[in-house]
Protein backbone atom coordinates (compact mmCIF):
# COMPACT_ATOMS: atom_id res chain seq x y z
CA MET A 1 4.43 -21.32 -30.59
CA GLY A 2 3.26 -19.63 -27.06
CA ILE A 3 4.24 -20.71 -23.64
CA ARG A 4 1.83 -23.16 -22.07
CA THR A 5 0.68 -22.08 -18.64
CA THR A 6 -0.88 -24.02 -15.99
CA ALA A 7 -3.29 -22.68 -13.59
CA LEU A 8 -2.13 -22.35 -10.04
CA PRO A 9 -4.36 -23.47 -7.15
CA GLU A 10 -6.27 -21.17 -4.87
CA GLY A 11 -3.88 -19.21 -2.78
CA PHE A 12 -1.03 -19.16 -5.17
CA LYS A 13 -0.31 -16.16 -7.30
CA TRP A 14 2.81 -14.79 -9.42
CA LYS A 15 4.16 -11.30 -8.85
CA VAL A 16 5.72 -10.30 -12.40
CA ASP A 17 8.26 -7.72 -12.80
CA GLU A 18 10.58 -6.91 -15.73
CA GLN A 19 13.55 -9.04 -14.56
CA ARG A 20 12.08 -11.23 -11.85
CA ARG A 21 8.94 -13.32 -11.07
CA THR A 22 7.94 -14.49 -7.52
CA LEU A 23 5.38 -16.84 -6.67
CA PHE A 24 3.53 -16.34 -3.40
CA CYS A 25 1.59 -18.81 -1.53
CA ARG A 26 -0.98 -16.99 0.85
CA SER A 27 1.12 -13.77 0.79
CA HIS A 28 4.40 -15.69 1.55
CA PRO A 29 7.16 -15.65 -1.25
CA ILE A 30 8.04 -19.22 -2.00
CA ILE A 31 10.04 -19.10 -5.39
CA GLU A 32 11.88 -16.29 -7.14
CA ILE A 33 13.21 -16.38 -10.56
CA GLY A 34 15.81 -13.91 -11.62
CA PRO A 35 18.91 -13.14 -13.35
CA GLU A 36 22.23 -14.70 -12.33
CA ARG A 37 25.19 -14.02 -14.27
CA ARG A 38 24.40 -14.53 -17.92
CA GLY A 39 21.32 -16.92 -17.23
CA TRP A 40 18.37 -17.36 -15.00
CA ILE A 41 18.10 -19.05 -11.64
CA ALA A 42 14.95 -20.27 -9.49
CA ARG A 43 15.33 -20.16 -5.78
CA ILE A 44 13.23 -21.65 -3.48
CA LEU A 45 12.81 -19.33 -0.44
CA ILE A 46 11.11 -21.52 2.21
CA THR A 47 12.04 -24.57 4.07
CA GLY A 48 9.80 -27.19 5.93
CA LYS A 49 8.85 -30.90 5.85
CA GLY A 50 9.42 -31.93 2.21
CA ILE A 51 10.63 -28.57 1.07
CA SER A 52 14.25 -27.02 1.29
CA HIS A 53 16.13 -24.25 -0.01
CA GLU A 54 17.46 -25.09 -3.65
CA GLU A 55 18.42 -23.32 -6.55
CA VAL A 56 17.69 -24.51 -10.03
CA ALA A 57 19.03 -23.07 -13.31
CA VAL A 58 16.49 -22.34 -15.92
CA ARG A 59 16.65 -20.98 -19.38
CA SER A 60 14.40 -17.89 -19.11
CA LEU A 61 11.79 -16.27 -17.12
CA ASP A 62 9.07 -18.02 -18.84
CA SER A 63 10.53 -21.65 -18.50
CA GLY A 64 11.47 -20.91 -14.90
CA GLU A 65 7.98 -19.93 -14.29
CA GLY A 66 6.83 -23.18 -15.99
CA TRP A 67 9.16 -25.19 -13.86
CA ALA A 68 8.20 -23.33 -10.51
CA THR A 69 4.50 -23.84 -11.23
CA ARG A 70 4.81 -27.69 -11.88
CA TRP A 71 7.14 -27.82 -8.78
CA ALA A 72 4.51 -26.12 -6.54
CA LEU A 73 1.72 -28.15 -7.91
CA GLU A 74 3.69 -31.39 -7.01
CA ARG A 75 4.22 -30.03 -3.37
CA LYS A 76 1.03 -28.11 -2.89
CA THR A 77 0.08 -29.77 0.49
CA ALA A 78 3.49 -29.55 1.90
CA LEU A 79 3.77 -25.80 0.79
CA LEU A 80 0.38 -25.08 2.29
CA ARG A 81 1.54 -26.62 5.60
CA VAL A 82 4.67 -24.73 5.65
CA VAL A 83 3.00 -21.49 4.99
CA ALA A 84 0.28 -22.30 7.56
CA ALA A 85 3.19 -22.80 10.07
CA LEU A 86 4.57 -19.48 9.09
CA ASP A 87 1.36 -17.74 9.62
CA VAL A 88 0.96 -19.24 13.31
CA ALA A 89 4.72 -18.20 14.08
CA SER A 90 4.07 -14.66 13.09
């Protein structure tokens, strides 16, 4: 049984490395999944209205990618607002 993937909205993309995956929104890293001790952790890297730094334990890189994709889809509007504010500030 393969991993079921969900398409990301325009402006979102994954950078995939051997031991790490990072979700970007308009070139800003928003979530990183990587090794932590003997498991995997997903870290939310940005903050703003409706978005806060969090760490979530996940079973694997693939399950972390699935969780992060669903998380980002649920918060797409808030993420786009936060990233737009980052663009204005820089």
